[in-house]
Amino acid sequence: MNKNQKLADMLKPQIILAGDIGGTKTRLGLFRIKDDHCYLKFEETFLSKNYPKLEVILKDFLKSQKEIDAACFGIAGPVIEYNVTTTNLPWHVDCRSIQKKLSLENVALINDLVANAYGIALLKESDFVPLNTGKKMKGNAVLLSAGTGLGEAILFWNGKQHVPSPSEGGHVEFGPRNHLEMELLKYLFSTFHHVSYEHILSGEGLFRIYQFLKDIKGYGREPKWLSKKMAQEDPANVISETARRRENKLCATALNMFTSIYGAAAGNLALQAMAVGGVYVGGGIAPKILWKLKDGTFMQAFRDKGRLSDLVTRIPVKVIMNDRAALLGAAYYALDLLKGSLEK
């Protein structure tokens, strides 16, 4: 590429395609670049399970947009050598296939939590709700997000800024902290040979806790109106909303157990990464149960770390309320990719 062509490419209106690919929803957005910033032009959300692969969704989304300068997709799964097999979808996404589909060289695949981590720096203070004020310190930070699955990412502090790095920590073995959680682990062993935190800290996980308490422990009965509602709607939403309205003890106990385990997992991740720079709670579940996260159950479990309880007590903890964080992060990753190619 000669200098005149490079200049022409830099002056023309440039368009970035960004994606947040989850087990339930795929959100795509087109961004216009101006003054080194990305401005969202158009976005659309698709039900992931209705499509056999990402390329089909891209075809539907890009009907009216023929020219793209760079693209980045945050995908829920381990990205290894430009490929990813999604954890909660029967998809395999190959970067070369996407490049061919888009007729575009500047394409990147990153983990969805990495995209979310990049997006954190782009959010406003009003996009967060604090669970623990803590003490502002320079250092590593972490992100964990319960939704269809449980994602985690580490934001390493390099002395000047946070650098997001992927993690599949949501799939490590669940570590019970008390007798009730030990019984939950035993209960889940009847279904899974490997019981991970994701089996518990997810939408399906909340329902599993509910079933455990109903079937094994007898923490309350399931009335007919609740059974009917469970059959017609998403069980996790029904459990959390019923608990919020204080309409059923079983739902309240299940959500309390879920929240406590969530807080403990967040505290574990904070210790593992020495995340004195902060803990961020993302994903689709947290905003829906914010009232429960704020009642002290989450932070009590977060702080209960034995000799290092004083350390984690000083760590700021915030809930991400902006559901576009991953989409924004993917867009700015694509912008960096584009800038790098123009500088060559």
Protein backbone atom coordinates (compact mmCIF):
# COMPACT_ATOMS: atom_id res chain seq x y z
CA MET A 1 0.00 0.00 0.00
CA ASN A 2 1.51 3.40 -1.05
CA LYS A 3 1.39 6.59 1.01
CA ASN A 4 -1.45 8.14 -1.00
CA GLN A 5 -3.60 5.07 -0.52
CA LYS A 6 -2.87 5.08 3.22
CA LEU A 7 -3.88 8.74 3.44
CA ALA A 8 -7.09 8.06 1.52
CA ASP A 9 -7.94 5.20 3.86
CA MET A 10 -7.36 7.41 6.89
CA LEU A 11 -9.54 10.25 5.56
CA LYS A 12 -12.55 8.24 4.42
CA PRO A 13 -15.35 7.47 6.91
CA GLN A 14 -14.38 4.20 8.53
CA ILE A 15 -16.77 1.57 9.84
CA ILE A 16 -16.12 -1.04 12.51
CA LEU A 17 -18.16 -4.18 13.11
CA ALA A 18 -18.23 -5.37 16.72
CA GLY A 19 -19.91 -8.36 18.29
CA ASP A 20 -20.76 -9.67 21.75
CA ILE A 21 -21.41 -13.39 21.24
CA GLY A 22 -23.02 -15.14 24.19
CA GLY A 23 -24.68 -18.46 24.80
CA THR A 24 -28.12 -16.84 24.74
CA LYS A 25 -27.78 -13.67 22.65
CA THR A 26 -25.55 -12.38 19.89
CA ARG A 27 -25.36 -8.59 19.79
CA LEU A 28 -23.80 -6.93 16.75
CA GLY A 29 -23.07 -3.25 16.24
CA LEU A 30 -21.73 -1.00 13.50
CA PHE A 31 -19.55 1.87 14.71
CA ARG A 32 -18.41 4.97 12.86
CA ILE A 33 -14.92 6.22 13.66
CA LYS A 34 -14.42 9.92 14.23
CA ASP A 35 -11.55 11.65 16.04
CA ASP A 36 -10.20 8.32 17.26
CA HIS A 37 -13.51 7.41 18.92
CA CYS A 38 -16.18 4.84 18.04
CA TYR A 39 -19.78 6.00 17.70
CA LEU A 40 -22.53 3.40 17.53
CA LYS A 41 -24.55 3.74 14.30
CA PHE A 42 -26.73 0.66 14.50
CA GLU A 43 -27.07 -2.49 16.57
CA GLU A 44 -29.18 -5.62 16.50
CA THR A 45 -29.59 -8.59 18.84
CA PHE A 46 -30.15 -12.18 17.72
CA LEU A 47 -31.07 -15.34 19.63
CA SER A 48 -27.90 -17.39 19.25
CA LYS A 49 -29.61 -20.78 19.44
CA ASN A 50 -31.69 -19.96 16.33
CA TYR A 51 -28.60 -19.96 14.11
CA PRO A 52 -26.21 -22.77 13.14
CA LYS A 53 -23.14 -20.50 13.09
CA LEU A 54 -22.01 -16.90 13.38
CA GLU A 55 -21.58 -16.45 9.63
CA VAL A 56 -25.33 -16.83 9.09
CA ILE A 57 -26.06 -14.07 11.61
CA LEU A 58 -23.50 -11.82 9.94
CA LYS A 59 -25.22 -12.34 6.59
CA ASP A 60 -28.55 -11.22 8.06
CA PHE A 61 -27.03 -8.25 9.87
CA LEU A 62 -24.90 -6.88 7.03
CA LYS A 63 -27.52 -6.76 4.30
CA SER A 64 -27.27 -2.96 3.93
CA GLN A 65 -23.62 -2.52 4.96
CA LYS A 66 -21.22 -3.54 2.23
CA GLU A 67 -17.94 -2.01 3.38
CA ILE A 68 -16.24 -2.59 6.75
CA ASP A 69 -12.72 -1.59 7.77
CA ALA A 70 -12.20 -3.80 10.82
CA ALA A 71 -14.11 -6.25 12.99
CA CYS A 72 -13.79 -7.80 16.42
CA PHE A 73 -15.99 -10.36 18.13
CA GLY A 74 -16.03 -11.10 21.84
CA ILE A 75 -17.07 -14.75 22.07
CA ALA A 76 -18.07 -16.84 25.08
CA GLY A 77 -15.43 -19.54 24.97
CA PRO A 78 -11.68 -20.15 25.03
CA VAL A 79 -10.03 -18.45 22.03
CA ILE A 80 -6.98 -20.46 20.97
CA GLU A 81 -4.94 -19.62 17.87
CA TYR A 82 -7.74 -17.57 16.23
CA ASN A 83 -10.36 -20.27 16.82
CA VAL A 84 -13.00 -20.82 19.46
CA THR A 85 -15.50 -23.56 20.21
CA THR A 86 -18.27 -21.88 22.17
CA THR A 87 -18.96 -23.32 25.61
CA ASN A 88 -22.75 -23.04 25.69
CA LEU A 89 -23.47 -23.18 21.94
CA PRO A 90 -22.71 -25.86 19.30
CA TRP A 91 -20.60 -23.39 17.31
CA HIS A 92 -17.03 -23.40 16.09
CA VAL A 93 -15.83 -19.96 15.03
CA ASP A 94 -12.74 -19.71 12.82
CA CYS A 95 -11.18 -16.30 12.27
CA ARG A 96 -10.17 -17.23 8.72
CA SER A 97 -13.75 -18.16 7.87
CA ILE A 98 -14.96 -14.78 9.16
CA GLN A 99 -12.23 -12.97 7.21
CA LYS A 100 -13.39 -14.75 4.06
CA LYS A 101 -17.04 -14.03 4.78
CA LEU A 102 -16.35 -10.32 5.29
CA SER A 103 -13.61 -10.07 2.63
CA LEU A 104 -11.58 -8.38 5.35
CA GLU A 105 -8.13 -8.94 6.80
CA ASN A 106 -8.55 -6.88 10.00
CA VAL A 107 -10.65 -9.36 12.01
CA ALA A 108 -10.06 -10.42 15.61
CA LEU A 109 -11.65 -12.99 17.91
CA ILE A 110 -11.31 -12.40 21.65
CA ASN A 111 -12.97 -13.92 24.69
CA ASP A 112 -16.23 -12.16 25.61
CA LEU A 113 -14.97 -11.33 29.10
CA VAL A 114 -11.82 -9.83 27.61
CA ALA A 115 -14.07 -7.64 25.43
CA ASN A 116 -16.03 -6.73 28.56
CA ALA A 117 -12.79 -5.89 30.37
CA TYR A 118 -11.72 -3.57 27.56
CA GLY A 119 -15.14 -1.93 27.77
CA ILE A 120 -14.79 -1.13 31.48
CA ALA A 121 -12.40 1.75 30.76
CA LEU A 122 -14.96 3.26 28.36
CA LEU A 123 -17.86 3.36 30.81
CA LYS A 124 -19.05 6.28 32.91
CA GLU A 125 -19.16 6.25 36.71
CA SER A 126 -22.95 6.13 36.45
CA ASP A 127 -22.64 2.75 34.68
CA PHE A 128 -21.49 1.14 37.95
CA VAL A 129 -23.18 0.42 41.27
CA PRO A 130 -20.76 -0.07 44.19
CA LEU A 131 -21.16 -3.04 46.53
CA ASN A 132 -18.03 -2.15 48.48
CA THR A 133 -16.38 1.26 48.39
CA GLY A 134 -13.06 -0.08 49.61
CA LYS A 135 -9.85 1.83 49.04
CA LYS A 136 -8.74 2.95 45.59
CA MET A 137 -5.36 1.32 44.88
CA LYS A 138 -3.20 0.74 41.81
CA GLY A 139 -2.91 -2.90 40.90
CA ASN A 140 -4.58 -5.81 39.15
CA ALA A 141 -8.35 -5.94 38.82
CA VAL A 142 -10.72 -8.81 37.96
CA LEU A 143 -14.06 -9.30 36.29
CA LEU A 144 -16.54 -12.13 36.72
CA SER A 145 -19.90 -12.41 35.03
CA ALA A 146 -22.68 -14.88 35.67
CA GLY A 147 -25.24 -15.27 32.90
CA THR A 148 -25.78 -18.23 30.59
CA GLY A 149 -22.40 -19.35 31.93
CA LEU A 150 -19.76 -17.94 34.26
CA GLY A 151 -17.00 -15.90 32.68
CA GLU A 152 -13.88 -14.45 34.25
CA ALA A 153 -11.07 -12.15 33.13
CA ILE A 154 -8.02 -10.62 34.76
CA LEU A 155 -6.99 -7.00 34.19
CA PHE A 156 -3.24 -6.93 34.77
CA TRP A 157 -1.76 -3.61 35.90
CA ASN A 158 1.39 -2.85 33.88
CA GLY A 159 2.29 0.30 35.80
CA LYS A 160 0.31 2.60 33.52
CA GLN A 161 -2.94 0.87 32.62
CA HIS A 162 -4.93 -2.34 32.90
CA VAL A 163 -4.28 -5.00 30.26
CA PRO A 164 -7.15 -7.54 29.95
CA SER A 165 -6.25 -11.22 29.86
CA PRO A 166 -8.58 -14.21 29.35
CA SER A 167 -9.40 -16.80 31.97
CA GLU A 168 -11.55 -19.92 32.05
CA GLY A 169 -11.74 -19.83 35.84
CA GLY A 170 -15.49 -20.30 35.75
CA HIS A 171 -14.85 -23.96 34.98
CA VAL A 172 -12.67 -24.77 38.00
CA GLU A 173 -14.06 -27.20 40.57
CA PHE A 174 -16.67 -25.84 42.93
CA GLY A 175 -15.31 -25.55 46.47
CA PRO A 176 -18.03 -25.86 49.14
CA ARG A 177 -17.59 -23.80 52.33
CA ASN A 178 -20.13 -25.39 54.66
CA HIS A 179 -22.19 -28.56 55.14
CA LEU A 180 -25.10 -27.35 53.02
CA GLU A 181 -22.81 -26.57 50.09
CA MET A 182 -21.14 -29.97 50.54
CA GLU A 183 -24.56 -31.56 50.14
CA LEU A 184 -25.15 -29.44 47.03
CA LEU A 185 -21.87 -30.72 45.58
CA LYS A 186 -22.89 -34.31 46.30
CA TYR A 187 -26.29 -33.67 44.71
CA LEU A 188 -24.72 -32.27 41.53
CA PHE A 189 -22.28 -35.19 41.30
CA SER A 190 -25.26 -37.34 40.41
CA THR A 191 -25.54 -35.34 37.17
CA PHE A 192 -22.04 -34.04 36.43
CA HIS A 193 -18.74 -35.90 36.81
CA HIS A 194 -17.03 -32.50 37.12
CA VAL A 195 -18.92 -29.88 39.14
CA SER A 196 -17.66 -26.41 38.27
CA TYR A 197 -18.64 -22.98 39.55
CA GLU A 198 -20.45 -22.42 36.23
CA HIS A 199 -22.80 -25.29 37.07
CA ILE A 200 -23.95 -23.18 40.03
CA LEU A 201 -23.29 -19.54 39.11
CA SER A 202 -25.45 -19.25 36.01
CA GLY A 203 -29.11 -19.10 35.14
CA GLU A 204 -29.39 -22.88 35.08
CA GLY A 205 -27.26 -22.98 38.22
CA LEU A 206 -29.79 -20.99 40.22
CA PHE A 207 -32.48 -23.45 39.15
CA ARG A 208 -30.24 -26.36 40.19
CA ILE A 209 -29.85 -24.85 43.66
CA TYR A 210 -33.63 -24.45 43.84
CA GLN A 211 -34.18 -28.09 42.84
CA PHE A 212 -31.61 -29.27 45.37
CA LEU A 213 -33.30 -27.39 48.21
CA LYS A 214 -36.71 -28.65 47.15
CA ASP A 215 -35.79 -32.28 46.52
CA ILE A 216 -33.17 -32.94 49.18
CA LYS A 217 -33.48 -30.46 52.00
CA GLY A 218 -37.15 -29.59 52.05
CA TYR A 219 -36.66 -25.85 52.52
CA GLY A 220 -40.25 -25.20 51.54
CA ARG A 221 -42.79 -26.46 49.10
CA GLU A 222 -43.50 -25.47 45.52
CA PRO A 223 -47.12 -24.27 45.23
CA LYS A 224 -49.11 -24.99 42.05
CA TRP A 225 -49.01 -21.37 40.86
CA LEU A 226 -45.21 -21.42 41.07
CA SER A 227 -44.95 -24.75 39.23
CA LYS A 228 -47.10 -23.35 36.43
CA LYS A 229 -45.03 -20.20 36.21
CA MET A 230 -41.78 -22.21 36.15
CA ALA A 231 -43.10 -24.22 33.19
CA GLN A 232 -44.07 -21.11 31.22
CA GLU A 233 -41.16 -18.75 31.92
CA ASP A 234 -37.42 -18.81 32.52
CA PRO A 235 -37.04 -20.58 35.89
CA ALA A 236 -34.13 -18.40 37.04
CA ASN A 237 -36.11 -15.21 36.45
CA VAL A 238 -39.12 -16.70 38.24
CA ILE A 239 -37.01 -17.69 41.25
CA SER A 240 -35.33 -14.28 41.60
CA GLU A 241 -38.54 -12.29 41.09
CA THR A 242 -40.51 -14.50 43.48
CA ALA A 243 -37.75 -14.07 46.06
CA ARG A 244 -37.76 -10.29 45.57
CA ARG A 245 -41.50 -10.18 46.21
CA ARG A 246 -41.11 -12.46 49.24
CA GLU A 247 -43.77 -14.79 47.87
CA ASN A 248 -42.03 -18.12 48.51
CA LYS A 249 -39.46 -19.24 51.08
CA LEU A 250 -37.91 -21.86 48.80
CA CYS A 251 -37.12 -19.24 46.12
CA ALA A 252 -35.74 -16.85 48.74
CA THR A 253 -33.43 -19.51 50.18
CA ALA A 254 -32.21 -20.57 46.72
CA LEU A 255 -31.35 -17.00 45.74
CA ASN A 256 -29.64 -16.41 49.06
CA MET A 257 -27.45 -19.48 48.57
CA PHE A 258 -26.65 -18.45 44.98
CA THR A 259 -25.67 -14.94 46.08
CA SER A 260 -23.45 -16.21 48.87
CA ILE A 261 -21.59 -18.60 46.55
CA TYR A 262 -21.24 -15.77 44.00
CA GLY A 263 -19.67 -13.52 46.62
CA ALA A 264 -17.28 -16.27 47.74
CA ALA A 265 -16.21 -16.94 44.13
CA ALA A 266 -15.58 -13.22 43.61
CA GLY A 267 -13.43 -13.12 46.74
CA ASN A 268 -11.50 -16.19 45.57
CA LEU A 269 -10.75 -14.55 42.23
CA ALA A 270 -9.68 -11.35 43.97
CA LEU A 271 -7.13 -13.30 46.00
CA GLN A 272 -5.92 -15.39 43.07
CA ALA A 273 -5.13 -12.28 41.01
CA MET A 274 -4.24 -10.02 43.96
CA ALA A 275 -6.91 -7.69 42.59
CA VAL A 276 -6.36 -4.66 44.81
CA GLY A 277 -7.38 -2.52 41.82
CA GLY A 278 -10.97 -3.67 42.06
CA VAL A 279 -13.50 -6.42 41.39
CA TYR A 280 -16.13 -5.93 38.70
CA VAL A 281 -19.32 -7.99 38.58
CA GLY A 282 -20.78 -8.18 35.08
CA GLY A 283 -23.14 -10.43 33.17
CA GLY A 284 -26.88 -10.51 32.74
CA ILE A 285 -27.81 -11.82 36.20
CA ALA A 286 -26.23 -9.16 38.45
CA PRO A 287 -28.38 -6.18 37.34
CA LYS A 288 -31.52 -8.29 37.74
CA ILE A 289 -30.71 -9.21 41.35
CA LEU A 290 -28.99 -5.97 42.32
CA TRP A 291 -31.32 -5.60 45.29
CA LYS A 292 -30.07 -8.95 46.60
CA LEU A 293 -26.39 -8.22 45.88
CA LYS A 294 -26.74 -5.04 47.95
CA ASP A 295 -28.29 -6.67 51.04
CA GLY A 296 -24.91 -7.79 52.44
CA THR A 297 -25.06 -11.50 51.54
CA PHE A 298 -22.61 -11.16 48.63
CA MET A 299 -20.08 -9.03 50.48
CA GLN A 300 -20.20 -11.12 53.66
CA ALA A 301 -19.09 -14.17 51.65
CA PHE A 302 -16.61 -12.06 49.66
CA ARG A 303 -14.86 -10.88 52.85
CA ASP A 304 -14.82 -14.26 54.60
CA LYS A 305 -11.24 -15.19 53.66
CA GLY A 306 -9.66 -16.12 56.97
CA ARG A 307 -6.33 -14.40 57.60
CA LEU A 308 -6.68 -12.29 54.45
CA SER A 309 -10.18 -11.01 55.21
CA ASP A 310 -8.77 -7.55 56.00
CA LEU A 311 -7.13 -7.42 52.57
CA VAL A 312 -10.25 -8.23 50.55
CA THR A 313 -12.33 -5.87 52.70
CA ARG A 314 -10.26 -3.00 51.25
CA ILE A 315 -10.95 -4.00 47.62
CA PRO A 316 -13.58 -1.94 45.73
CA VAL A 317 -16.40 -4.06 44.27
CA LYS A 318 -18.70 -2.71 41.55
CA VAL A 319 -21.59 -4.08 39.48
CA ILE A 320 -21.55 -3.19 35.78
CA MET A 321 -25.01 -1.93 34.79
CA ASN A 322 -24.28 -1.07 31.14
CA ASP A 323 -25.02 -4.15 29.03
CA ARG A 324 -23.07 -2.72 26.08
CA ALA A 325 -19.69 -2.97 27.84
CA ALA A 326 -18.51 -5.99 25.83
CA LEU A 327 -19.75 -4.53 22.55
CA LEU A 328 -17.90 -1.27 23.22
CA GLY A 329 -14.77 -3.16 24.24
CA ALA A 330 -14.83 -5.21 21.03
CA ALA A 331 -15.27 -2.03 18.96
CA TYR A 332 -12.25 -0.33 20.50
CA TYR A 333 -10.17 -3.50 20.12
CA ALA A 334 -11.05 -3.42 16.41
CA LEU A 335 -10.09 0.27 16.29
CA ASP A 336 -6.64 -0.56 17.68
CA LEU A 337 -6.37 -3.35 15.12
CA LEU A 338 -7.22 -0.90 12.33
CA LYS A 339 -4.77 1.72 13.54
CA GLY A 340 -2.03 -0.88 13.66
CA SER A 341 -2.66 -1.92 10.05
CA LEU A 342 -2.65 1.67 8.79
CA GLU A 343 0.67 2.36 10.52
CA LYS A 344 2.39 -0.52 8.73
